[in-house]
Amino acid sequence: MSRKPANTDSIADFITDWQRERPDLDPWPLGIFGRTSRIYAHFLRRADSWLSPLGLSWETFSLIAALRRSGKPYELNPTELQRQSLLTSGAMTNRIDRVEALGLVERRPDTADRRGVIVRLTPAGRALADKAIAVHFSKAAEILGALNAREREQLDQLLAKLLKSLETTPPAATEPRGAGKGFR
C-alpha cells in the first residue's frame, strides 16, 4: 500500500514523515540532498547497464575517461588520477590493477619522482574510452531528456554554484565522521 501520490517522488514521503514527526523542524534540505543522492544512485545503476556490454564498470570507465580527458600522452599519477576521476580515493591501487589487467592502462616509472608511478592509457584503452564516452554522453543525455534546455541550463548553473561553495569552504571542524554518506 503506497502513500505516495502518482505525481511525487520517494523523497516526498520522507519530507511528509518528518513534517508529521518533527513539525518544529523544516526538512527542506532533505528534498535537495535526498533527491540528488537518489538521482546519483539511479544514474550509477543505469551507467553500469550501458557500460557493461563494453566490458566496463562505472569505476573502470571513470578511470579511463579521466586519462583520456587529460590529453596526450593520456597519463596521470595515481593521486591526480583520483582527483580527475569521479571516484573516491579508497582502493585506487586496486582499481588501477584491475584496469591494467584488462590491458587498458600501463604503469610507468615517474621520472619526476623515483618512488612514484605514472598511469598511462594504452592504445586499446584509448579506443575503448572513446567508444564508451560516446555511449555514456548519449545515454546521460537521454536521462536528462525529462528537462527542457532552459531547465537543464538552470539546474547545471545551480548545481555548479552549490558545488563551488562546497569545494571552496572547508568542512566544519565538528562535521561528524562519515557525514555525507546518506540523508534520511
N, C-alpha and C. Protein backbone atom coordinates (compact mmCIF):
# COMPACT_ATOMS: atom_id res chain seq x y z
N MET A 1 0.85 -1.18 0.00
CA MET A 1 0.00 0.00 0.00
C MET A 1 0.89 1.23 0.00
N SER A 2 0.85 2.01 -1.05
CA SER A 2 1.70 3.18 -1.17
C SER A 2 0.94 4.43 -0.76
N ARG A 3 1.61 5.26 0.04
CA ARG A 3 1.01 6.52 0.45
C ARG A 3 1.29 7.61 -0.57
N LYS A 4 2.18 7.33 -1.50
CA LYS A 4 2.71 8.35 -2.40
C LYS A 4 1.75 8.62 -3.57
N PRO A 5 1.31 9.86 -3.72
CA PRO A 5 0.52 10.19 -4.90
C PRO A 5 1.38 10.01 -6.16
N ALA A 6 0.74 9.77 -7.28
CA ALA A 6 1.44 9.49 -8.53
C ALA A 6 2.37 10.62 -8.98
N ASN A 7 2.13 11.85 -8.55
CA ASN A 7 2.93 12.98 -9.03
C ASN A 7 4.06 13.35 -8.07
N THR A 8 4.40 12.48 -7.11
CA THR A 8 5.51 12.77 -6.20
C THR A 8 6.60 11.72 -6.37
N ASP A 9 7.73 11.97 -5.72
CA ASP A 9 8.83 11.01 -5.75
C ASP A 9 9.03 10.42 -4.36
N SER A 10 9.98 9.52 -4.25
CA SER A 10 10.21 8.82 -2.98
C SER A 10 10.64 9.76 -1.85
N ILE A 11 11.32 10.81 -2.15
CA ILE A 11 11.79 11.73 -1.11
C ILE A 11 10.63 12.53 -0.52
N ALA A 12 9.59 12.76 -1.30
CA ALA A 12 8.41 13.48 -0.79
C ALA A 12 7.84 12.77 0.43
N ASP A 13 7.87 11.43 0.42
CA ASP A 13 7.39 10.67 1.58
C ASP A 13 8.23 10.98 2.82
N PHE A 14 9.54 11.04 2.65
CA PHE A 14 10.42 11.35 3.78
C PHE A 14 10.07 12.72 4.36
N ILE A 15 9.89 13.67 3.48
CA ILE A 15 9.60 15.04 3.93
C ILE A 15 8.27 15.07 4.68
N THR A 16 7.27 14.41 4.13
CA THR A 16 5.96 14.35 4.79
C THR A 16 6.08 13.70 6.16
N ASP A 17 6.84 12.60 6.24
CA ASP A 17 7.02 11.92 7.52
C ASP A 17 7.68 12.83 8.54
N TRP A 18 8.74 13.53 8.14
CA TRP A 18 9.42 14.43 9.08
C TRP A 18 8.56 15.61 9.47
N GLN A 19 7.75 16.12 8.55
CA GLN A 19 6.84 17.21 8.91
C GLN A 19 5.83 16.75 9.95
N ARG A 20 5.40 15.50 9.83
CA ARG A 20 4.45 14.94 10.81
C ARG A 20 5.16 14.68 12.15
N GLU A 21 6.33 14.05 12.08
CA GLU A 21 7.03 13.62 13.29
C GLU A 21 7.77 14.75 14.02
N ARG A 22 8.26 15.70 13.25
CA ARG A 22 9.01 16.81 13.84
C ARG A 22 8.56 18.13 13.20
N PRO A 23 7.33 18.57 13.49
CA PRO A 23 6.83 19.81 12.88
C PRO A 23 7.63 21.05 13.29
N ASP A 24 8.47 20.91 14.30
CA ASP A 24 9.31 22.02 14.74
C ASP A 24 10.52 22.23 13.83
N LEU A 25 10.80 21.28 12.93
CA LEU A 25 11.95 21.37 12.02
C LEU A 25 11.47 21.51 10.59
N ASP A 26 12.24 22.21 9.79
CA ASP A 26 11.91 22.34 8.36
C ASP A 26 12.82 21.40 7.58
N PRO A 27 12.27 20.33 6.99
CA PRO A 27 13.10 19.33 6.31
C PRO A 27 13.47 19.69 4.87
N TRP A 28 13.39 20.95 4.48
CA TRP A 28 13.65 21.31 3.08
C TRP A 28 15.00 20.83 2.57
N PRO A 29 16.10 20.82 3.39
CA PRO A 29 17.37 20.32 2.83
C PRO A 29 17.29 18.87 2.37
N LEU A 30 16.46 18.08 3.04
CA LEU A 30 16.28 16.69 2.65
C LEU A 30 15.78 16.58 1.22
N GLY A 31 14.94 17.51 0.80
CA GLY A 31 14.45 17.49 -0.57
C GLY A 31 15.58 17.58 -1.58
N ILE A 32 16.49 18.46 -1.34
CA ILE A 32 17.61 18.67 -2.28
C ILE A 32 18.64 17.55 -2.18
N PHE A 33 19.15 17.30 -0.97
CA PHE A 33 20.20 16.30 -0.83
C PHE A 33 19.66 14.89 -1.02
N GLY A 34 18.48 14.61 -0.55
CA GLY A 34 17.89 13.29 -0.75
C GLY A 34 17.68 13.00 -2.22
N ARG A 35 17.15 13.99 -2.95
CA ARG A 35 16.92 13.78 -4.38
C ARG A 35 18.21 13.65 -5.16
N THR A 36 19.21 14.49 -4.86
CA THR A 36 20.47 14.37 -5.60
C THR A 36 21.13 13.03 -5.30
N SER A 37 21.02 12.56 -4.07
CA SER A 37 21.58 11.26 -3.72
C SER A 37 20.87 10.14 -4.47
N ARG A 38 19.55 10.18 -4.50
CA ARG A 38 18.78 9.15 -5.21
C ARG A 38 19.02 9.22 -6.72
N ILE A 39 19.09 10.43 -7.27
CA ILE A 39 19.36 10.58 -8.70
C ILE A 39 20.71 9.97 -9.04
N TYR A 40 21.72 10.24 -8.22
CA TYR A 40 23.05 9.70 -8.47
C TYR A 40 23.04 8.17 -8.41
N ALA A 41 22.32 7.60 -7.45
CA ALA A 41 22.24 6.13 -7.34
C ALA A 41 21.58 5.54 -8.59
N HIS A 42 20.49 6.16 -9.05
CA HIS A 42 19.84 5.69 -10.29
C HIS A 42 20.79 5.82 -11.48
N PHE A 43 21.50 6.95 -11.54
CA PHE A 43 22.44 7.19 -12.62
C PHE A 43 23.52 6.11 -12.65
N LEU A 44 24.10 5.79 -11.49
CA LEU A 44 25.17 4.78 -11.45
C LEU A 44 24.67 3.42 -11.91
N ARG A 45 23.47 3.02 -11.48
CA ARG A 45 22.92 1.73 -11.92
C ARG A 45 22.72 1.72 -13.44
N ARG A 46 22.20 2.81 -13.97
CA ARG A 46 21.98 2.87 -15.42
C ARG A 46 23.30 2.94 -16.17
N ALA A 47 24.27 3.69 -15.64
CA ALA A 47 25.58 3.77 -16.30
C ALA A 47 26.23 2.39 -16.36
N ASP A 48 26.14 1.65 -15.27
CA ASP A 48 26.69 0.29 -15.29
C ASP A 48 26.01 -0.55 -16.37
N SER A 49 24.70 -0.35 -16.57
CA SER A 49 23.99 -1.15 -17.58
C SER A 49 24.43 -0.83 -19.00
N TRP A 50 24.79 0.43 -19.30
CA TRP A 50 25.25 0.73 -20.66
C TRP A 50 26.75 0.55 -20.83
N LEU A 51 27.49 0.53 -19.73
CA LEU A 51 28.93 0.29 -19.81
C LEU A 51 29.27 -1.20 -19.80
N SER A 52 28.44 -1.99 -19.17
CA SER A 52 28.67 -3.42 -19.05
C SER A 52 28.88 -4.13 -20.39
N PRO A 53 28.09 -3.85 -21.43
CA PRO A 53 28.34 -4.52 -22.71
C PRO A 53 29.71 -4.20 -23.32
N LEU A 54 30.33 -3.12 -22.83
CA LEU A 54 31.67 -2.75 -23.30
C LEU A 54 32.75 -3.37 -22.42
N GLY A 55 32.34 -4.15 -21.42
CA GLY A 55 33.29 -4.77 -20.51
C GLY A 55 33.77 -3.84 -19.41
N LEU A 56 33.00 -2.77 -19.16
CA LEU A 56 33.41 -1.76 -18.18
C LEU A 56 32.39 -1.66 -17.06
N SER A 57 32.86 -1.24 -15.90
CA SER A 57 32.00 -0.84 -14.79
C SER A 57 32.13 0.68 -14.69
N TRP A 58 31.35 1.29 -13.81
CA TRP A 58 31.46 2.73 -13.60
C TRP A 58 32.89 3.09 -13.19
N GLU A 59 33.48 2.30 -12.30
CA GLU A 59 34.82 2.61 -11.81
C GLU A 59 35.87 2.52 -12.91
N THR A 60 35.83 1.46 -13.70
CA THR A 60 36.84 1.34 -14.77
C THR A 60 36.62 2.42 -15.83
N PHE A 61 35.37 2.72 -16.13
CA PHE A 61 35.08 3.78 -17.09
C PHE A 61 35.59 5.12 -16.59
N SER A 62 35.29 5.46 -15.35
CA SER A 62 35.70 6.77 -14.82
C SER A 62 37.22 6.92 -14.85
N LEU A 63 37.93 5.83 -14.58
CA LEU A 63 39.38 5.87 -14.59
C LEU A 63 39.93 6.10 -16.00
N ILE A 64 39.45 5.34 -16.99
CA ILE A 64 39.99 5.52 -18.35
C ILE A 64 39.49 6.83 -18.98
N ALA A 65 38.29 7.26 -18.59
CA ALA A 65 37.78 8.54 -19.11
C ALA A 65 38.62 9.70 -18.58
N ALA A 66 39.04 9.62 -17.31
CA ALA A 66 39.88 10.69 -16.75
C ALA A 66 41.22 10.76 -17.49
N LEU A 67 41.79 9.60 -17.78
CA LEU A 67 43.06 9.59 -18.53
C LEU A 67 42.85 10.13 -19.95
N ARG A 68 41.78 9.75 -20.59
CA ARG A 68 41.51 10.22 -21.96
C ARG A 68 41.31 11.73 -21.98
N ARG A 69 40.59 12.23 -20.99
CA ARG A 69 40.30 13.67 -20.90
C ARG A 69 41.56 14.49 -20.59
N SER A 70 42.57 13.85 -20.01
CA SER A 70 43.79 14.58 -19.63
C SER A 70 44.60 15.03 -20.85
N GLY A 71 44.32 14.47 -22.02
CA GLY A 71 45.06 14.83 -23.23
C GLY A 71 46.37 14.07 -23.34
N LYS A 72 46.97 14.20 -24.52
CA LYS A 72 48.22 13.48 -24.76
C LYS A 72 49.24 13.85 -23.72
N PRO A 73 49.96 12.91 -23.24
CA PRO A 73 50.09 11.49 -23.58
C PRO A 73 49.12 10.59 -22.80
N TYR A 74 48.01 11.13 -22.28
CA TYR A 74 46.97 10.35 -21.60
C TYR A 74 47.53 9.63 -20.38
N GLU A 75 48.16 10.39 -19.51
CA GLU A 75 48.76 9.80 -18.32
C GLU A 75 48.64 10.74 -17.13
N LEU A 76 48.54 10.14 -15.95
CA LEU A 76 48.46 10.88 -14.69
C LEU A 76 49.08 10.02 -13.60
N ASN A 77 49.54 10.67 -12.53
CA ASN A 77 49.97 9.87 -11.39
C ASN A 77 48.70 9.45 -10.63
N PRO A 78 48.78 8.43 -9.78
CA PRO A 78 47.57 7.94 -9.11
C PRO A 78 46.82 9.00 -8.29
N THR A 79 47.53 9.91 -7.65
CA THR A 79 46.86 10.96 -6.87
C THR A 79 46.05 11.87 -7.78
N GLU A 80 46.66 12.30 -8.88
CA GLU A 80 45.96 13.16 -9.83
C GLU A 80 44.84 12.40 -10.52
N LEU A 81 45.05 11.15 -10.79
CA LEU A 81 44.02 10.32 -11.41
C LEU A 81 42.79 10.25 -10.51
N GLN A 82 43.02 10.09 -9.23
CA GLN A 82 41.88 10.08 -8.29
C GLN A 82 41.15 11.41 -8.31
N ARG A 83 41.89 12.51 -8.32
CA ARG A 83 41.26 13.85 -8.34
C ARG A 83 40.51 14.11 -9.64
N GLN A 84 41.02 13.59 -10.73
CA GLN A 84 40.43 13.85 -12.04
C GLN A 84 39.29 12.89 -12.39
N SER A 85 39.15 11.82 -11.62
CA SER A 85 38.07 10.87 -11.89
C SER A 85 36.90 11.21 -10.96
N LEU A 86 35.81 10.52 -11.16
CA LEU A 86 34.66 10.69 -10.27
C LEU A 86 34.62 9.54 -9.26
N LEU A 87 35.82 9.19 -8.78
CA LEU A 87 35.95 8.08 -7.84
C LEU A 87 36.48 8.59 -6.51
N THR A 88 36.19 7.84 -5.45
CA THR A 88 36.75 8.17 -4.15
C THR A 88 38.17 7.64 -4.08
N SER A 89 38.93 8.10 -3.11
CA SER A 89 40.34 7.74 -3.03
C SER A 89 40.56 6.30 -2.58
N GLY A 90 39.62 5.72 -1.88
CA GLY A 90 39.80 4.36 -1.36
C GLY A 90 40.05 3.34 -2.46
N ALA A 91 41.02 2.50 -2.25
CA ALA A 91 41.32 1.37 -3.13
C ALA A 91 41.70 1.77 -4.56
N MET A 92 42.31 2.93 -4.74
CA MET A 92 42.70 3.36 -6.08
C MET A 92 43.72 2.40 -6.69
N THR A 93 44.64 1.89 -5.88
CA THR A 93 45.63 0.95 -6.40
C THR A 93 44.95 -0.30 -6.96
N ASN A 94 43.95 -0.81 -6.25
CA ASN A 94 43.22 -1.99 -6.74
C ASN A 94 42.47 -1.69 -8.03
N ARG A 95 41.91 -0.50 -8.14
CA ARG A 95 41.21 -0.12 -9.37
C ARG A 95 42.18 -0.06 -10.54
N ILE A 96 43.34 0.54 -10.30
CA ILE A 96 44.35 0.62 -11.36
C ILE A 96 44.80 -0.80 -11.74
N ASP A 97 44.99 -1.66 -10.75
CA ASP A 97 45.37 -3.06 -11.02
C ASP A 97 44.36 -3.73 -11.94
N ARG A 98 43.06 -3.55 -11.66
CA ARG A 98 42.01 -4.19 -12.47
C ARG A 98 42.03 -3.67 -13.91
N VAL A 99 42.20 -2.36 -14.07
CA VAL A 99 42.19 -1.77 -15.41
C VAL A 99 43.47 -2.16 -16.15
N GLU A 100 44.56 -2.27 -15.42
CA GLU A 100 45.82 -2.71 -16.03
C GLU A 100 45.70 -4.17 -16.49
N ALA A 101 45.05 -5.01 -15.69
CA ALA A 101 44.87 -6.42 -16.07
C ALA A 101 44.02 -6.54 -17.34
N LEU A 102 43.17 -5.57 -17.59
CA LEU A 102 42.35 -5.57 -18.82
C LEU A 102 43.14 -5.06 -20.03
N GLY A 103 44.37 -4.57 -19.79
CA GLY A 103 45.19 -4.06 -20.87
C GLY A 103 44.82 -2.64 -21.30
N LEU A 104 44.11 -1.93 -20.44
CA LEU A 104 43.64 -0.58 -20.80
C LEU A 104 44.59 0.51 -20.33
N VAL A 105 45.42 0.21 -19.33
CA VAL A 105 46.42 1.16 -18.84
C VAL A 105 47.72 0.40 -18.57
N GLU A 106 48.79 1.17 -18.47
CA GLU A 106 50.06 0.60 -18.05
C GLU A 106 50.69 1.55 -17.06
N ARG A 107 51.47 0.98 -16.15
CA ARG A 107 52.21 1.78 -15.19
C ARG A 107 53.61 2.00 -15.71
N ARG A 108 54.11 3.21 -15.49
CA ARG A 108 55.49 3.54 -15.86
C ARG A 108 56.13 4.27 -14.69
N PRO A 109 57.43 4.19 -14.57
CA PRO A 109 58.09 4.96 -13.51
C PRO A 109 57.88 6.46 -13.73
N ASP A 110 57.70 7.18 -12.64
CA ASP A 110 57.55 8.64 -12.70
C ASP A 110 58.94 9.25 -12.71
N THR A 111 59.32 9.88 -13.82
CA THR A 111 60.66 10.46 -13.93
C THR A 111 60.85 11.64 -12.99
N ALA A 112 59.76 12.24 -12.52
CA ALA A 112 59.85 13.37 -11.59
C ALA A 112 59.91 12.91 -10.13
N ASP A 113 59.57 11.65 -9.88
CA ASP A 113 59.54 11.13 -8.51
C ASP A 113 59.94 9.66 -8.57
N ARG A 114 61.14 9.35 -8.15
CA ARG A 114 61.64 7.98 -8.27
C ARG A 114 60.76 6.95 -7.56
N ARG A 115 60.04 7.38 -6.53
CA ARG A 115 59.19 6.45 -5.79
C ARG A 115 57.82 6.31 -6.44
N GLY A 116 57.48 7.19 -7.36
CA GLY A 116 56.13 7.21 -7.91
C GLY A 116 55.98 6.49 -9.24
N VAL A 117 54.73 6.36 -9.64
CA VAL A 117 54.41 5.77 -10.93
C VAL A 117 53.47 6.72 -11.69
N ILE A 118 53.44 6.52 -12.97
CA ILE A 118 52.52 7.21 -13.86
C ILE A 118 51.63 6.14 -14.48
N VAL A 119 50.33 6.43 -14.54
CA VAL A 119 49.39 5.51 -15.17
C VAL A 119 49.06 6.09 -16.54
N ARG A 120 49.32 5.30 -17.58
CA ARG A 120 49.12 5.77 -18.95
C ARG A 120 48.08 4.89 -19.66
N LEU A 121 47.21 5.52 -20.38
CA LEU A 121 46.22 4.83 -21.20
C LEU A 121 46.92 4.13 -22.36
N THR A 122 46.63 2.87 -22.57
CA THR A 122 47.19 2.15 -23.72
C THR A 122 46.38 2.49 -24.97
N PRO A 123 46.88 2.18 -26.17
CA PRO A 123 46.07 2.40 -27.37
C PRO A 123 44.71 1.69 -27.30
N ALA A 124 44.68 0.47 -26.76
CA ALA A 124 43.41 -0.24 -26.61
C ALA A 124 42.51 0.50 -25.61
N GLY A 125 43.11 1.02 -24.56
CA GLY A 125 42.35 1.79 -23.56
C GLY A 125 41.78 3.06 -24.15
N ARG A 126 42.56 3.71 -24.99
CA ARG A 126 42.07 4.95 -25.62
C ARG A 126 40.91 4.64 -26.57
N ALA A 127 41.03 3.59 -27.35
CA ALA A 127 39.95 3.23 -28.28
C ALA A 127 38.67 2.89 -27.51
N LEU A 128 38.79 2.12 -26.44
CA LEU A 128 37.62 1.77 -25.65
C LEU A 128 37.05 3.00 -24.94
N ALA A 129 37.93 3.85 -24.42
CA ALA A 129 37.46 5.08 -23.76
C ALA A 129 36.66 5.93 -24.73
N ASP A 130 37.16 6.10 -25.96
CA ASP A 130 36.43 6.90 -26.95
C ASP A 130 35.06 6.32 -27.25
N LYS A 131 34.99 5.00 -27.40
CA LYS A 131 33.71 4.35 -27.67
C LYS A 131 32.77 4.50 -26.47
N ALA A 132 33.28 4.23 -25.27
CA ALA A 132 32.46 4.29 -24.06
C ALA A 132 31.97 5.71 -23.78
N ILE A 133 32.81 6.70 -24.02
CA ILE A 133 32.43 8.08 -23.77
C ILE A 133 31.28 8.49 -24.68
N ALA A 134 31.32 8.07 -25.93
CA ALA A 134 30.23 8.40 -26.86
C ALA A 134 28.91 7.78 -26.38
N VAL A 135 28.96 6.52 -25.96
CA VAL A 135 27.76 5.86 -25.44
C VAL A 135 27.29 6.57 -24.18
N HIS A 136 28.22 6.85 -23.29
CA HIS A 136 27.91 7.47 -22.00
C HIS A 136 27.24 8.83 -22.17
N PHE A 137 27.80 9.68 -23.00
CA PHE A 137 27.22 11.00 -23.21
C PHE A 137 25.81 10.89 -23.79
N SER A 138 25.62 9.99 -24.74
CA SER A 138 24.31 9.81 -25.37
C SER A 138 23.28 9.33 -24.35
N LYS A 139 23.62 8.33 -23.57
CA LYS A 139 22.68 7.78 -22.59
C LYS A 139 22.40 8.77 -21.46
N ALA A 140 23.43 9.50 -21.03
CA ALA A 140 23.22 10.50 -19.98
C ALA A 140 22.29 11.60 -20.48
N ALA A 141 22.43 11.98 -21.75
CA ALA A 141 21.54 12.98 -22.34
C ALA A 141 20.10 12.47 -22.37
N GLU A 142 19.92 11.18 -22.65
CA GLU A 142 18.57 10.60 -22.63
C GLU A 142 17.93 10.74 -21.25
N ILE A 143 18.70 10.46 -20.22
CA ILE A 143 18.18 10.58 -18.85
C ILE A 143 17.73 12.01 -18.58
N LEU A 144 18.51 12.96 -19.03
CA LEU A 144 18.17 14.37 -18.80
C LEU A 144 17.11 14.89 -19.75
N GLY A 145 16.61 14.03 -20.63
CA GLY A 145 15.56 14.41 -21.57
C GLY A 145 14.26 14.82 -20.91
N ALA A 146 14.09 14.50 -19.63
CA ALA A 146 12.89 14.92 -18.90
C ALA A 146 12.88 16.44 -18.69
N LEU A 147 14.03 17.07 -18.87
CA LEU A 147 14.15 18.53 -18.69
C LEU A 147 14.33 19.19 -20.05
N ASN A 148 13.75 20.38 -20.21
CA ASN A 148 13.98 21.12 -21.45
C ASN A 148 15.33 21.84 -21.34
N ALA A 149 15.77 22.45 -22.43
CA ALA A 149 17.10 23.08 -22.47
C ALA A 149 17.25 24.15 -21.40
N ARG A 150 16.24 24.96 -21.19
CA ARG A 150 16.32 26.03 -20.18
C ARG A 150 16.44 25.43 -18.78
N GLU A 151 15.66 24.39 -18.50
CA GLU A 151 15.72 23.73 -17.20
C GLU A 151 17.08 23.08 -16.97
N ARG A 152 17.63 22.44 -18.00
CA ARG A 152 18.96 21.81 -17.86
C ARG A 152 20.01 22.87 -17.55
N GLU A 153 19.97 23.98 -18.26
CA GLU A 153 20.94 25.05 -18.03
C GLU A 153 20.80 25.62 -16.62
N GLN A 154 19.57 25.85 -16.20
CA GLN A 154 19.34 26.40 -14.86
C GLN A 154 19.81 25.42 -13.79
N LEU A 155 19.47 24.14 -13.93
CA LEU A 155 19.90 23.14 -12.97
C LEU A 155 21.42 23.05 -12.93
N ASP A 156 22.06 23.04 -14.10
CA ASP A 156 23.52 22.98 -14.17
C ASP A 156 24.15 24.17 -13.44
N GLN A 157 23.61 25.36 -13.65
CA GLN A 157 24.15 26.55 -13.01
C GLN A 157 23.97 26.50 -11.49
N LEU A 158 22.82 26.05 -11.04
CA LEU A 158 22.56 25.97 -9.60
C LEU A 158 23.45 24.92 -8.94
N LEU A 159 23.59 23.78 -9.58
CA LEU A 159 24.46 22.74 -9.02
C LEU A 159 25.92 23.19 -9.01
N ALA A 160 26.34 23.89 -10.06
CA ALA A 160 27.72 24.42 -10.11
C ALA A 160 27.95 25.40 -8.96
N LYS A 161 26.97 26.24 -8.69
CA LYS A 161 27.09 27.22 -7.60
C LYS A 161 27.22 26.50 -6.25
N LEU A 162 26.41 25.48 -6.05
CA LEU A 162 26.46 24.73 -4.79
C LEU A 162 27.78 23.97 -4.67
N LEU A 163 28.19 23.31 -5.74
CA LEU A 163 29.45 22.56 -5.70
C LEU A 163 30.64 23.48 -5.42
N LYS A 164 30.67 24.63 -6.08
CA LYS A 164 31.77 25.58 -5.86
C LYS A 164 31.81 26.00 -4.39
N SER A 165 30.65 26.25 -3.81
CA SER A 165 30.62 26.67 -2.41
C SER A 165 31.14 25.55 -1.51
N LEU A 166 30.82 24.30 -1.82
CA LEU A 166 31.30 23.19 -1.01
C LEU A 166 32.80 22.95 -1.22
N GLU A 167 33.27 23.15 -2.44
CA GLU A 167 34.68 22.92 -2.72
C GLU A 167 35.59 24.03 -2.19
N THR A 168 35.04 25.20 -1.96
CA THR A 168 35.87 26.32 -1.51
C THR A 168 35.69 26.64 -0.03
N THR A 169 34.74 26.00 0.64
CA THR A 169 34.52 26.22 2.06
C THR A 169 34.97 24.98 2.81
N PRO A 170 35.92 25.15 3.74
CA PRO A 170 36.37 23.96 4.48
C PRO A 170 35.22 23.41 5.31
N PRO A 171 35.19 22.08 5.49
CA PRO A 171 34.14 21.50 6.32
C PRO A 171 34.27 21.98 7.75
N ALA A 172 33.17 22.05 8.44
CA ALA A 172 33.18 22.47 9.85
C ALA A 172 34.00 21.46 10.66
N ALA A 173 34.72 21.97 11.63
CA ALA A 173 35.54 21.10 12.47
C ALA A 173 34.69 20.08 13.21
N THR A 174 33.43 20.38 13.39
CA THR A 174 32.55 19.47 14.12
C THR A 174 31.77 18.54 13.22
N GLU A 175 32.08 18.53 11.91
CA GLU A 175 31.36 17.64 10.99
C GLU A 175 31.57 16.20 11.43
N PRO A 176 30.47 15.47 11.61
CA PRO A 176 30.60 14.09 12.09
C PRO A 176 31.31 13.19 11.10
N ARG A 177 32.04 12.24 11.60
CA ARG A 177 32.74 11.26 10.75
C ARG A 177 31.70 10.52 9.92
N GLY A 178 31.99 10.37 8.61
CA GLY A 178 31.05 9.68 7.76
C GLY A 178 29.94 10.57 7.23
N ALA A 179 30.02 11.87 7.49
CA ALA A 179 28.99 12.78 7.01
C ALA A 179 28.93 12.71 5.49
N GLY A 180 27.76 12.86 4.96
CA GLY A 180 27.59 12.84 3.51
C GLY A 180 27.34 11.45 2.96
N LYS A 181 27.24 10.43 3.83
CA LYS A 181 27.04 9.06 3.34
C LYS A 181 25.58 8.72 3.19
N GLY A 182 24.72 9.63 3.44
CA GLY A 182 23.29 9.35 3.29
C GLY A 182 22.49 10.43 3.97
N PHE A 183 21.24 10.53 3.60
CA PHE A 183 20.39 11.57 4.13
C PHE A 183 19.01 10.98 4.27
N ARG A 184 18.54 10.87 5.48
CA ARG A 184 17.23 10.27 5.71
C ARG A 184 16.42 11.17 6.55
